[in-house]
Amino acid sequence: MARHWADDYYGDLYFESVADLLTPRLSGFEAALLLRLLEIGPGDRVLDLACGHGRHARALSPEVGLIVAIDRNPQYLARARDSGAALVLGDLRALPLRPGTFDAVYSWYSSLFMYDDEENARCLAAAARLLRPGGRMLVHHDNPLRLRGQPTAHAEWDLPRGGRVEEESRYDPATGRDTCLRRVIRLDGTVLAGVAHLRYYSPEEWHELAARCGLELVRITSTWQADRPTERLDDDARDLIALGRRSA
């Protein structure tokens, strides 16, 4: 596939800036949430879309029958070798997998919707076709309802082993797109920089998107609402989780 902005952003830049934040404890919490929401267990076949360095696959692999993890970054896949997953080098826009193969598919941390709306819909529809009829899909991204109220943000933090991270982001409510500039200033003075362009869909948009892509939308929730019944996503929830089921 042609080079994409994600090749620069989701490489050393992203890994070095978050590796110390994405702790085994956090990964275990998120994996437990995936298990509950996707209703998966021993014997189920699960696909991790844009698996990164395999932190969720590593936590889930002992709990399911098979987990396949796909990413377009070979360095990330090298870090995922001990995850217990079957690793696939591939692009979300051309998934090299057989339709109807999986009981569940998930995409965590805004890793699915990196293109224009038509391409995003094609990616979601292609992922949905990998599910057996009735199989479940979970997509996680930032909450656009919260970002509407605070469309700009700035953050800086020091890295434990030295160096610093700087980030500026701006959300456009009219397009649902967030633009994030991130820089890592290493201890030796070298700088890594990249810009992410991510699309976040509102609950209302998700109803149309899911139906268009062959999914029945089961629930819209967030990590802090997932264990309690709710009728709507809280405006100030940190994230959005869309849970769908493949139509028969």
C-alpha atoms as a PDB file:
ATOM      1  CA  MET A   1       0.000   0.000   0.000  1.00  0.00           C
ATOM      2  CA  ALA A   2       1.069   3.624  -0.580  1.00  0.00           C
ATOM      3  CA  ARG A   3       2.791   5.402   2.274  1.00  0.00           C
ATOM      4  CA  HIS A   4       0.399   7.025   4.744  1.00  0.00           C
ATOM      5  CA  TRP A   5       0.785   9.549   7.565  1.00  0.00           C
ATOM      6  CA  ALA A   6       0.273   6.680  10.038  1.00  0.00           C
ATOM      7  CA  ASP A   7       3.613   5.184   8.984  1.00  0.00           C
ATOM      8  CA  ASP A   8       5.379   8.133  10.599  1.00  0.00           C
ATOM      9  CA  TYR A   9       3.007   8.717  13.506  1.00  0.00           C
ATOM     10  CA  TYR A  10       2.410   5.083  14.514  1.00  0.00           C
ATOM     11  CA  GLY A  11       6.055   4.073  14.558  1.00  0.00           C
ATOM     12  CA  ASP A  12       8.839   4.974  16.965  1.00  0.00           C
ATOM     13  CA  LEU A  13       7.154   8.319  17.682  1.00  0.00           C
ATOM     14  CA  TYR A  14       3.994   6.780  19.113  1.00  0.00           C
ATOM     15  CA  PHE A  15       5.673   3.824  20.796  1.00  0.00           C
ATOM     16  CA  GLU A  16       8.312   5.881  22.595  1.00  0.00           C
ATOM     17  CA  SER A  17       5.726   8.416  23.785  1.00  0.00           C
ATOM     18  CA  VAL A  18       3.240   5.927  25.269  1.00  0.00           C
ATOM     19  CA  ALA A  19       5.108   2.701  26.085  1.00  0.00           C
ATOM     20  CA  ASP A  20       5.389   3.645  29.776  1.00  0.00           C
ATOM     21  CA  LEU A  21       1.735   4.745  29.949  1.00  0.00           C
ATOM     22  CA  LEU A  22       0.265   1.568  28.424  1.00  0.00           C
ATOM     23  CA  THR A  23       1.002  -0.577  31.448  1.00  0.00           C
ATOM     24  CA  PRO A  24       0.161  -4.287  31.806  1.00  0.00           C
ATOM     25  CA  ARG A  25      -2.449  -3.263  34.381  1.00  0.00           C
ATOM     26  CA  LEU A  26      -4.183  -0.931  31.911  1.00  0.00           C
ATOM     27  CA  SER A  27      -3.947  -3.504  29.125  1.00  0.00           C
ATOM     28  CA  GLY A  28      -5.442  -6.144  31.430  1.00  0.00           C
ATOM     29  CA  PHE A  29      -8.331  -3.838  32.359  1.00  0.00           C
ATOM     30  CA  GLU A  30      -9.088  -3.102  28.706  1.00  0.00           C
ATOM     31  CA  ALA A  31      -8.770  -6.765  27.721  1.00  0.00           C
ATOM     32  CA  ALA A  32     -11.244  -7.741  30.458  1.00  0.00           C
ATOM     33  CA  LEU A  33     -13.650  -5.147  29.063  1.00  0.00           C
ATOM     34  CA  LEU A  34     -13.236  -6.597  25.577  1.00  0.00           C
ATOM     35  CA  LEU A  35     -13.988 -10.079  26.901  1.00  0.00           C
ATOM     36  CA  ARG A  36     -17.217  -8.900  28.526  1.00  0.00           C
ATOM     37  CA  LEU A  37     -18.530  -6.679  25.752  1.00  0.00           C
ATOM     38  CA  LEU A  38     -17.672  -9.077  22.920  1.00  0.00           C
ATOM     39  CA  GLU A  39     -18.935 -12.051  24.976  1.00  0.00           C
ATOM     40  CA  ILE A  40     -15.946 -14.169  23.988  1.00  0.00           C
ATOM     41  CA  GLY A  41     -14.200 -17.047  25.686  1.00  0.00           C
ATOM     42  CA  PRO A  42     -12.482 -20.396  25.074  1.00  0.00           C
ATOM     43  CA  GLY A  43     -13.063 -21.646  21.544  1.00  0.00           C
ATOM     44  CA  ASP A  44     -13.780 -18.238  20.026  1.00  0.00           C
ATOM     45  CA  ARG A  45     -11.758 -16.849  17.128  1.00  0.00           C
ATOM     46  CA  VAL A  46     -10.876 -13.181  17.595  1.00  0.00           C
ATOM     47  CA  LEU A  47      -9.240 -10.574  15.344  1.00  0.00           C
ATOM     48  CA  ASP A  48      -7.256  -7.607  16.687  1.00  0.00           C
ATOM     49  CA  LEU A  49      -7.234  -4.855  14.049  1.00  0.00           C
ATOM     50  CA  ALA A  50      -4.123  -2.621  14.130  1.00  0.00           C
ATOM     51  CA  CYS A  51      -2.722  -4.577  17.051  1.00  0.00           C
ATOM     52  CA  GLY A  52       0.358  -2.404  17.626  1.00  0.00           C
ATOM     53  CA  HIS A  53       2.840  -4.148  19.892  1.00  0.00           C
ATOM     54  CA  GLY A  54       0.248  -6.751  20.875  1.00  0.00           C
ATOM     55  CA  ARG A  55      -0.663  -5.599  24.360  1.00  0.00           C
ATOM     56  CA  HIS A  56      -4.347  -6.574  24.121  1.00  0.00           C
ATOM     57  CA  ALA A  57      -3.614  -9.766  22.193  1.00  0.00           C
ATOM     58  CA  ARG A  58      -1.102 -10.728  24.889  1.00  0.00           C
ATOM     59  CA  ALA A  59      -3.747 -10.387  27.595  1.00  0.00           C
ATOM     60  CA  LEU A  60      -6.531 -12.060  25.572  1.00  0.00           C
ATOM     61  CA  SER A  61      -4.688 -15.010  24.041  1.00  0.00           C
ATOM     62  CA  PRO A  62      -4.974 -17.266  27.147  1.00  0.00           C
ATOM     63  CA  GLU A  63      -8.733 -16.574  27.304  1.00  0.00           C
ATOM     64  CA  VAL A  64      -9.853 -17.388  23.736  1.00  0.00           C
ATOM     65  CA  GLY A  65      -9.450 -20.194  21.241  1.00  0.00           C
ATOM     66  CA  LEU A  66      -7.474 -18.200  18.658  1.00  0.00           C
ATOM     67  CA  ILE A  67      -6.443 -14.585  18.335  1.00  0.00           C
ATOM     68  CA  VAL A  68      -5.140 -13.154  15.065  1.00  0.00           C
ATOM     69  CA  ALA A  69      -3.440  -9.758  15.220  1.00  0.00           C
ATOM     70  CA  ILE A  70      -2.839  -7.587  12.162  1.00  0.00           C
ATOM     71  CA  ASP A  71      -0.757  -4.447  11.760  1.00  0.00           C
ATOM     72  CA  ARG A  72       1.041  -2.731   8.878  1.00  0.00           C
ATOM     73  CA  ASN A  73       4.113  -1.893  10.983  1.00  0.00           C
ATOM     74  CA  PRO A  74       6.625  -4.789  11.014  1.00  0.00           C
ATOM     75  CA  GLN A  75       8.452  -3.326  14.022  1.00  0.00           C
ATOM     76  CA  TYR A  76       5.256  -3.400  16.065  1.00  0.00           C
ATOM     77  CA  LEU A  77       4.627  -6.990  15.019  1.00  0.00           C
ATOM     78  CA  ALA A  78       8.160  -7.904  16.080  1.00  0.00           C
ATOM     79  CA  ARG A  79       7.332  -6.590  19.563  1.00  0.00           C
ATOM     80  CA  ALA A  80       4.159  -8.714  19.555  1.00  0.00           C
ATOM     81  CA  ARG A  81       5.935 -12.024  18.901  1.00  0.00           C
ATOM     82  CA  ASP A  82       5.414 -13.199  22.480  1.00  0.00           C
ATOM     83  CA  SER A  83       1.722 -12.240  22.534  1.00  0.00           C
ATOM     84  CA  GLY A  84       0.374 -15.700  21.716  1.00  0.00           C
ATOM     85  CA  ALA A  85      -1.379 -14.326  18.633  1.00  0.00           C
ATOM     86  CA  ALA A  86      -1.075 -15.382  15.019  1.00  0.00           C
ATOM     87  CA  LEU A  87       0.534 -12.261  13.530  1.00  0.00           C
ATOM     88  CA  VAL A  88      -0.326 -10.873  10.104  1.00  0.00           C
ATOM     89  CA  LEU A  89       1.438  -8.027   8.296  1.00  0.00           C
ATOM     90  CA  GLY A  90      -1.298  -6.197   6.448  1.00  0.00           C
ATOM     91  CA  ASP A  91      -3.286  -3.029   5.831  1.00  0.00           C
ATOM     92  CA  LEU A  92      -6.804  -2.357   7.097  1.00  0.00           C
ATOM     93  CA  ARG A  93      -7.758  -1.216   3.594  1.00  0.00           C
ATOM     94  CA  ALA A  94      -6.903  -4.611   2.085  1.00  0.00           C
ATOM     95  CA  LEU A  95      -7.467  -7.228   4.784  1.00  0.00           C
ATOM     96  CA  PRO A  96      -5.840 -10.522   3.690  1.00  0.00           C
ATOM     97  CA  LEU A  97      -8.289 -12.725   5.606  1.00  0.00           C
ATOM     98  CA  ARG A  98     -11.215 -14.969   4.738  1.00  0.00           C
ATOM     99  CA  PRO A  99     -14.783 -13.664   5.217  1.00  0.00           C
ATOM    100  CA  GLY A 100     -16.831 -15.283   7.976  1.00  0.00           C
ATOM    101  CA  THR A 101     -13.755 -16.508   9.854  1.00  0.00           C
ATOM    102  CA  PHE A 102     -14.120 -14.766  13.218  1.00  0.00           C
ATOM    103  CA  ASP A 103     -16.490 -14.749  16.171  1.00  0.00           C
ATOM    104  CA  ALA A 104     -15.337 -11.270  17.210  1.00  0.00           C
ATOM    105  CA  VAL A 105     -13.307  -8.372  15.809  1.00  0.00           C
ATOM    106  CA  TYR A 106     -12.098  -5.304  17.671  1.00  0.00           C
ATOM    107  CA  SER A 107     -10.238  -2.065  17.015  1.00  0.00           C
ATOM    108  CA  TRP A 108      -8.953  -0.111  20.030  1.00  0.00           C
ATOM    109  CA  TYR A 109      -7.586   3.427  20.347  1.00  0.00           C
ATOM    110  CA  SER A 110      -8.752   5.205  17.188  1.00  0.00           C
ATOM    111  CA  SER A 111      -6.823   2.900  14.889  1.00  0.00           C
ATOM    112  CA  LEU A 112      -9.554   2.178  12.329  1.00  0.00           C
ATOM    113  CA  PHE A 113     -10.764   5.564  11.058  1.00  0.00           C
ATOM    114  CA  MET A 114      -7.660   7.231   9.620  1.00  0.00           C
ATOM    115  CA  TYR A 115      -9.017   7.984   6.131  1.00  0.00           C
ATOM    116  CA  ASP A 116     -11.860   9.899   4.485  1.00  0.00           C
ATOM    117  CA  ASP A 117     -15.427   8.875   5.262  1.00  0.00           C
ATOM    118  CA  GLU A 118     -15.800   6.641   2.211  1.00  0.00           C
ATOM    119  CA  GLU A 119     -12.561   4.780   2.956  1.00  0.00           C
ATOM    120  CA  ASN A 120     -13.461   4.499   6.635  1.00  0.00           C
ATOM    121  CA  ALA A 121     -16.787   2.925   5.708  1.00  0.00           C
ATOM    122  CA  ARG A 122     -15.071   0.481   3.353  1.00  0.00           C
ATOM    123  CA  CYS A 123     -12.654  -0.524   6.128  1.00  0.00           C
ATOM    124  CA  LEU A 124     -15.488  -1.079   8.594  1.00  0.00           C
ATOM    125  CA  ALA A 125     -17.565  -3.038   6.062  1.00  0.00           C
ATOM    126  CA  ALA A 126     -14.575  -5.224   5.160  1.00  0.00           C
ATOM    127  CA  ALA A 127     -13.921  -5.953   8.826  1.00  0.00           C
ATOM    128  CA  ALA A 128     -17.590  -6.773   9.374  1.00  0.00           C
ATOM    129  CA  ARG A 129     -17.490  -9.313   6.542  1.00  0.00           C
ATOM    130  CA  LEU A 130     -14.788 -11.224   8.422  1.00  0.00           C
ATOM    131  CA  LEU A 131     -17.347 -12.027  11.123  1.00  0.00           C
ATOM    132  CA  ARG A 132     -19.602 -15.046  11.108  1.00  0.00           C
ATOM    133  CA  PRO A 133     -23.322 -14.129  11.092  1.00  0.00           C
ATOM    134  CA  GLY A 134     -24.114 -12.885  14.586  1.00  0.00           C
ATOM    135  CA  GLY A 135     -20.446 -12.247  15.370  1.00  0.00           C
ATOM    136  CA  ARG A 136     -19.597  -9.095  17.316  1.00  0.00           C
ATOM    137  CA  MET A 137     -17.425  -6.092  16.527  1.00  0.00           C
ATOM    138  CA  LEU A 138     -16.131  -3.457  18.929  1.00  0.00           C
ATOM    139  CA  VAL A 139     -14.644  -0.129  17.824  1.00  0.00           C
ATOM    140  CA  HIS A 140     -13.099   2.294  20.324  1.00  0.00           C
ATOM    141  CA  HIS A 141     -12.160   5.941  19.745  1.00  0.00           C
ATOM    142  CA  ASP A 142     -12.201   9.338  21.440  1.00  0.00           C
ATOM    143  CA  ASN A 143     -15.567  10.833  22.353  1.00  0.00           C
ATOM    144  CA  PRO A 144     -16.535  13.628  19.936  1.00  0.00           C
ATOM    145  CA  LEU A 145     -19.227  14.877  22.334  1.00  0.00           C
ATOM    146  CA  ARG A 146     -16.518  15.748  24.860  1.00  0.00           C
ATOM    147  CA  LEU A 147     -14.229  17.230  22.216  1.00  0.00           C
ATOM    148  CA  ARG A 148     -16.953  19.594  21.026  1.00  0.00           C
ATOM    149  CA  GLY A 149     -16.735  21.296  24.407  1.00  0.00           C
ATOM    150  CA  GLN A 150     -12.940  21.464  24.438  1.00  0.00           C
ATOM    151  CA  PRO A 151     -11.755  21.347  20.832  1.00  0.00           C
ATOM    152  CA  THR A 152      -8.140  22.362  21.502  1.00  0.00           C
ATOM    153  CA  ALA A 153      -5.672  20.763  23.882  1.00  0.00           C
ATOM    154  CA  HIS A 154      -2.014  20.962  24.799  1.00  0.00           C
ATOM    155  CA  ALA A 155      -0.067  18.389  26.798  1.00  0.00           C
ATOM    156  CA  GLU A 156       3.552  17.853  27.798  1.00  0.00           C
ATOM    157  CA  TRP A 157       5.124  15.101  29.833  1.00  0.00           C
ATOM    158  CA  ASP A 158       8.561  13.806  30.718  1.00  0.00           C
ATOM    159  CA  LEU A 159       9.583  10.284  29.799  1.00  0.00           C
ATOM    160  CA  PRO A 160      10.859   8.082  32.651  1.00  0.00           C
ATOM    161  CA  ARG A 161      14.108   7.267  30.869  1.00  0.00           C
ATOM    162  CA  GLY A 162      14.681  10.863  29.804  1.00  0.00           C
ATOM    163  CA  GLY A 163      13.297  13.022  27.056  1.00  0.00           C
ATOM    164  CA  ARG A 164      10.018  14.849  26.693  1.00  0.00           C
ATOM    165  CA  VAL A 165       6.747  14.623  24.762  1.00  0.00           C
ATOM    166  CA  GLU A 166       4.838  17.648  23.445  1.00  0.00           C
ATOM    167  CA  GLU A 167       1.376  17.425  21.878  1.00  0.00           C
ATOM    168  CA  GLU A 168      -1.054  19.892  20.329  1.00  0.00           C
ATOM    169  CA  SER A 169      -4.484  18.806  19.110  1.00  0.00           C
ATOM    170  CA  ARG A 170      -7.427  20.527  17.486  1.00  0.00           C
ATOM    171  CA  TYR A 171     -10.869  18.999  16.909  1.00  0.00           C
ATOM    172  CA  ASP A 172     -13.169  20.301  14.166  1.00  0.00           C
ATOM    173  CA  PRO A 173     -16.821  19.710  15.186  1.00  0.00           C
ATOM    174  CA  ALA A 174     -18.005  20.371  11.627  1.00  0.00           C
ATOM    175  CA  THR A 175     -16.052  17.452  10.164  1.00  0.00           C
ATOM    176  CA  GLY A 176     -15.572  15.243  13.237  1.00  0.00           C
ATOM    177  CA  ARG A 177     -11.825  15.240  12.599  1.00  0.00           C
ATOM    178  CA  ASP A 178      -9.062  15.642  15.130  1.00  0.00           C
ATOM    179  CA  THR A 179      -5.586  16.809  14.098  1.00  0.00           C
ATOM    180  CA  CYS A 180      -2.826  15.998  16.558  1.00  0.00           C
ATOM    181  CA  LEU A 181       0.808  17.107  16.325  1.00  0.00           C
ATOM    182  CA  ARG A 182       3.108  15.079  18.577  1.00  0.00           C
ATOM    183  CA  ARG A 183       6.834  15.522  19.171  1.00  0.00           C
ATOM    184  CA  VAL A 184       9.263  13.368  21.116  1.00  0.00           C
ATOM    185  CA  ILE A 185      12.440  15.151  22.154  1.00  0.00           C
ATOM    186  CA  ARG A 186      14.896  12.408  22.988  1.00  0.00           C
ATOM    187  CA  LEU A 187      17.582  12.649  25.634  1.00  0.00           C
ATOM    188  CA  ASP A 188      20.260  12.980  22.939  1.00  0.00           C
ATOM    189  CA  GLY A 189      18.425  15.954  21.400  1.00  0.00           C
ATOM    190  CA  THR A 190      17.028  14.175  18.346  1.00  0.00           C
ATOM    191  CA  VAL A 191      13.371  14.835  17.607  1.00  0.00           C
ATOM    192  CA  LEU A 192      10.601  12.610  16.282  1.00  0.00           C
ATOM    193  CA  ALA A 193       7.478  14.365  15.005  1.00  0.00           C
ATOM    194  CA  GLY A 194       4.290  13.443  13.232  1.00  0.00           C
ATOM    195  CA  VAL A 195       0.703  14.536  12.683  1.00  0.00           C
ATOM    196  CA  ALA A 196      -2.338  12.278  13.126  1.00  0.00           C
ATOM    197  CA  HIS A 197      -5.647  12.935  11.346  1.00  0.00           C
ATOM    198  CA  LEU A 198      -8.386  10.908  13.021  1.00  0.00           C
ATOM    199  CA  ARG A 199     -12.144  10.771  12.451  1.00  0.00           C
ATOM    200  CA  TYR A 200     -14.415  10.357  15.465  1.00  0.00           C
ATOM    201  CA  TYR A 201     -18.057   9.444  14.823  1.00  0.00           C
ATOM    202  CA  SER A 202     -20.861  10.652  17.079  1.00  0.00           C
ATOM    203  CA  PRO A 203     -23.490   8.213  18.412  1.00  0.00           C
ATOM    204  CA  GLU A 204     -25.933   9.504  15.793  1.00  0.00           C
ATOM    205  CA  GLU A 205     -23.409   8.974  12.996  1.00  0.00           C
ATOM    206  CA  TRP A 206     -22.653   5.495  14.276  1.00  0.00           C
ATOM    207  CA  HIS A 207     -26.246   4.358  13.716  1.00  0.00           C
ATOM    208  CA  GLU A 208     -26.026   5.237  10.020  1.00  0.00           C
ATOM    209  CA  LEU A 209     -22.456   3.977   9.618  1.00  0.00           C
ATOM    210  CA  ALA A 210     -23.144   0.597  11.216  1.00  0.00           C
ATOM    211  CA  ALA A 211     -26.245  -0.053   9.120  1.00  0.00           C
ATOM    212  CA  ARG A 212     -24.377   0.910   5.954  1.00  0.00           C
ATOM    213  CA  CYS A 213     -21.594  -1.562   6.772  1.00  0.00           C
ATOM    214  CA  GLY A 214     -23.721  -4.611   7.556  1.00  0.00           C
ATOM    215  CA  LEU A 215     -23.758  -4.244  11.329  1.00  0.00           C
ATOM    216  CA  GLU A 216     -26.613  -4.053  13.794  1.00  0.00           C
ATOM    217  CA  LEU A 217     -25.593  -1.452  16.367  1.00  0.00           C
ATOM    218  CA  VAL A 218     -26.043  -3.117  19.752  1.00  0.00           C
ATOM    219  CA  ARG A 219     -24.765  -0.410  22.055  1.00  0.00           C
ATOM    220  CA  ILE A 220     -22.845   2.841  22.356  1.00  0.00           C
ATOM    221  CA  THR A 221     -20.965   3.132  25.632  1.00  0.00           C
ATOM    222  CA  SER A 222     -17.606   4.109  27.135  1.00  0.00           C
ATOM    223  CA  THR A 223     -15.055   2.519  29.425  1.00  0.00           C
ATOM    224  CA  TRP A 224     -16.599   4.186  32.467  1.00  0.00           C
ATOM    225  CA  GLN A 225     -20.198   3.354  31.491  1.00  0.00           C
ATOM    226  CA  ALA A 226     -19.681  -0.181  30.201  1.00  0.00           C
ATOM    227  CA  ASP A 227     -20.661  -1.924  33.445  1.00  0.00           C
ATOM    228  CA  ARG A 228     -23.867  -0.001  34.085  1.00  0.00           C
ATOM    229  CA  PRO A 229     -27.008   0.304  31.947  1.00  0.00           C
ATOM    230  CA  THR A 230     -27.206   3.664  30.177  1.00  0.00           C
ATOM    231  CA  GLU A 231     -29.493   5.142  27.552  1.00  0.00           C
ATOM    232  CA  ARG A 232     -26.949   7.547  26.085  1.00  0.00           C
ATOM    233  CA  LEU A 233     -23.245   8.275  26.040  1.00  0.00           C
ATOM    234  CA  ASP A 234     -22.188  10.824  28.650  1.00  0.00           C
ATOM    235  CA  ASP A 235     -21.042  14.039  26.993  1.00  0.00           C
ATOM    236  CA  ASP A 236     -17.941  14.140  29.186  1.00  0.00           C
ATOM    237  CA  ALA A 237     -16.979  10.465  28.791  1.00  0.00           C
ATOM    238  CA  ARG A 238     -13.333  10.176  27.820  1.00  0.00           C
ATOM    239  CA  ASP A 239     -14.001   7.720  24.987  1.00  0.00           C
ATOM    240  CA  LEU A 240     -16.666   6.063  22.855  1.00  0.00           C
ATOM    241  CA  ILE A 241     -17.169   2.338  22.355  1.00  0.00           C
ATOM    242  CA  ALA A 242     -19.417   1.183  19.512  1.00  0.00           C
ATOM    243  CA  LEU A 243     -20.553  -2.426  19.772  1.00  0.00           C
ATOM    244  CA  GLY A 244     -22.138  -4.035  16.741  1.00  0.00           C
ATOM    245  CA  ARG A 245     -23.317  -7.444  15.541  1.00  0.00           C
ATOM    246  CA  ARG A 246     -23.004  -8.745  12.001  1.00  0.00           C
ATOM    247  CA  SER A 247     -26.372  -8.969  10.355  1.00  0.00           C
ATOM    248  CA  ALA A 248     -27.500 -12.452   9.383  1.00  0.00           C
END
